[in-house]
Protein backbone atom coordinates (compact mmCIF):
# COMPACT_ATOMS: atom_id res chain seq x y z
CA MET A 1 -24.96 37.81 45.05
CA ARG A 2 -21.46 38.53 43.77
CA LYS A 3 -19.83 37.53 47.06
CA LYS A 4 -21.69 34.22 47.09
CA THR A 5 -20.62 33.49 43.51
CA LEU A 6 -16.97 34.27 44.25
CA LEU A 7 -17.12 32.11 47.37
CA ALA A 8 -18.60 29.21 45.37
CA VAL A 9 -15.91 29.54 42.68
CA ALA A 10 -13.15 29.65 45.32
CA GLY A 11 -14.60 26.54 46.96
CA LEU A 12 -14.70 24.67 43.67
CA LEU A 13 -11.13 25.65 42.88
CA ALA A 14 -10.02 24.42 46.30
CA LEU A 15 -11.75 21.07 45.77
CA THR A 16 -10.12 20.46 42.40
CA THR A 17 -6.58 20.59 43.76
CA ALA A 18 -6.91 17.43 45.85
CA LEU A 19 -4.25 14.86 45.03
CA PRO A 20 -4.06 11.25 46.20
CA ALA A 21 -3.10 10.94 49.87
CA GLN A 22 0.55 10.04 50.37
CA GLY A 23 2.65 9.19 53.34
CA ALA A 24 5.56 11.32 54.49
CA GLU A 25 8.10 8.87 53.00
CA LYS A 26 6.58 9.17 49.53
CA ALA A 27 5.94 12.89 49.50
CA MET A 28 6.22 14.52 46.10
CA PRO A 29 8.50 17.55 45.81
CA ALA A 30 6.35 20.68 45.88
CA THR A 31 8.10 22.19 42.89
CA SER A 32 7.94 19.22 40.53
CA LEU A 33 6.67 19.82 37.03
CA PHE A 34 4.12 17.02 37.36
CA PHE A 35 2.58 18.61 40.47
CA TRP A 36 2.21 21.98 38.74
CA THR A 37 0.76 20.31 35.65
CA ILE A 38 -1.92 18.62 37.75
CA LEU A 39 -2.65 21.79 39.72
CA ILE A 40 -2.87 24.16 36.76
CA GLY A 41 -4.74 21.64 34.62
CA SER A 42 -7.34 21.19 37.36
CA VAL A 43 -7.79 24.93 37.74
CA CYS A 44 -8.08 25.45 33.97
CA LEU A 45 -10.65 22.68 33.66
CA THR A 46 -12.67 24.11 36.54
CA VAL A 47 -12.61 27.63 35.12
CA ALA A 48 -13.53 26.37 31.63
CA ALA A 49 -16.46 24.39 33.01
CA ILE A 50 -17.72 27.32 35.09
CA VAL A 51 -17.43 29.78 32.20
CA GLY A 52 -19.08 27.27 29.85
CA ILE A 53 -21.99 26.75 32.23
CA LEU A 54 -22.44 30.50 32.70
CA GLY A 55 -22.35 31.07 28.94
CA GLN A 56 -24.83 28.30 28.27
CA SER A 57 -27.24 29.53 30.92
CA LYS A 58 -27.04 33.09 29.58
CA ALA A 59 -27.63 31.87 26.01
CA PHE A 60 -30.60 29.75 27.08
CA CYS A 61 -32.17 32.58 29.10
CA THR A 62 -31.78 35.03 26.22
CA ALA A 63 -33.21 32.55 23.70
CA ALA A 64 -36.18 31.75 25.95
CA ASP A 65 -36.85 35.46 26.45
CA ASN A 66 -36.69 36.15 22.70
CA ILE A 67 -38.96 33.20 21.89
CA ALA A 68 -41.46 34.48 24.46
CA ARG A 69 -41.41 37.93 22.84
CA ASN A 70 -41.69 36.66 19.26
CA PRO A 71 -43.02 33.08 18.99
CA ALA A 72 -42.95 33.20 15.18
CA SER A 73 -39.12 33.20 15.22
CA ALA A 74 -38.87 30.21 17.56
CA ASP A 75 -37.51 27.83 14.91
CA SER A 76 -34.61 30.06 13.87
CA ILE A 77 -33.76 30.99 17.46
CA ARG A 78 -33.84 27.32 18.51
CA GLY A 79 -31.46 26.36 15.69
CA LEU A 80 -28.99 29.09 16.57
CA LEU A 81 -29.23 28.15 20.25
CA ILE A 82 -28.37 24.51 19.57
CA ILE A 83 -25.36 25.49 17.46
CA ALA A 84 -24.15 27.97 20.09
CA LEU A 85 -24.55 25.45 22.92
CA ALA A 86 -22.65 22.82 20.94
CA LEU A 87 -19.77 25.23 20.31
CA MET A 88 -19.62 26.26 23.98
CA GLU A 89 -19.60 22.64 25.11
CA SER A 90 -16.89 21.73 22.60
CA LEU A 91 -14.55 24.34 24.10
CA VAL A 92 -14.88 22.69 27.52
CA ILE A 93 -14.27 19.27 25.94
CA TYR A 94 -11.11 20.61 24.25
CA VAL A 95 -9.79 21.78 27.63
CA LEU A 96 -10.58 18.33 29.08
CA LEU A 97 -8.73 16.66 26.21
CA ILE A 98 -5.65 18.85 26.68
CA ASP A 99 -5.73 18.20 30.44
CA LEU A 100 -5.93 14.43 29.92
CA ILE A 101 -2.96 14.58 27.57
CA LEU A 102 -0.96 16.58 30.13
CA PHE A 103 -2.00 14.31 33.01
CA PHE A 104 -0.80 11.11 31.33
CA VAL A 105 2.53 12.37 29.98
CA LYS A 106 5.57 11.10 31.87
CA TRP A 107 7.20 14.12 33.50
CA GLY A 108 10.63 12.97 34.62
CA GLY A 109 9.45 9.47 35.50
CA SER A 110 6.43 10.59 37.52
CA THR A 111 3.00 9.38 36.45
CA LEU A 112 -0.32 9.01 38.20
CA SER A 113 0.35 5.32 38.84
CA THR A 114 3.68 6.02 40.59
CA LEU A 115 2.10 8.67 42.76
CA ALA A 116 -0.71 6.34 43.85
CA GLN A 117 1.73 3.69 45.12
């Protein structure tokens, strides 16, 4: 089970690093700051989404188990679950917001539109 999970995470990380296809005459320098910003931002967003999904699934499973054991406390558990899920999701949205800010900043004249040309 652990090997399959690590393989799935590695595959997702590999898929997030895809950049727009470019010809040899318009190749971007491998060490440019913009390239590393895109690469690291993609990896951070992927890791944040994976950790957020794992945390939400664990919280939901625990809440469902506790509601099944004690149905009288379902209302309080449900309220806490909704608050916890909202906080977990907001952390992933914060990472997305920071990544979007980094992606659209001009790093030495390079932007997404100049790379796509």
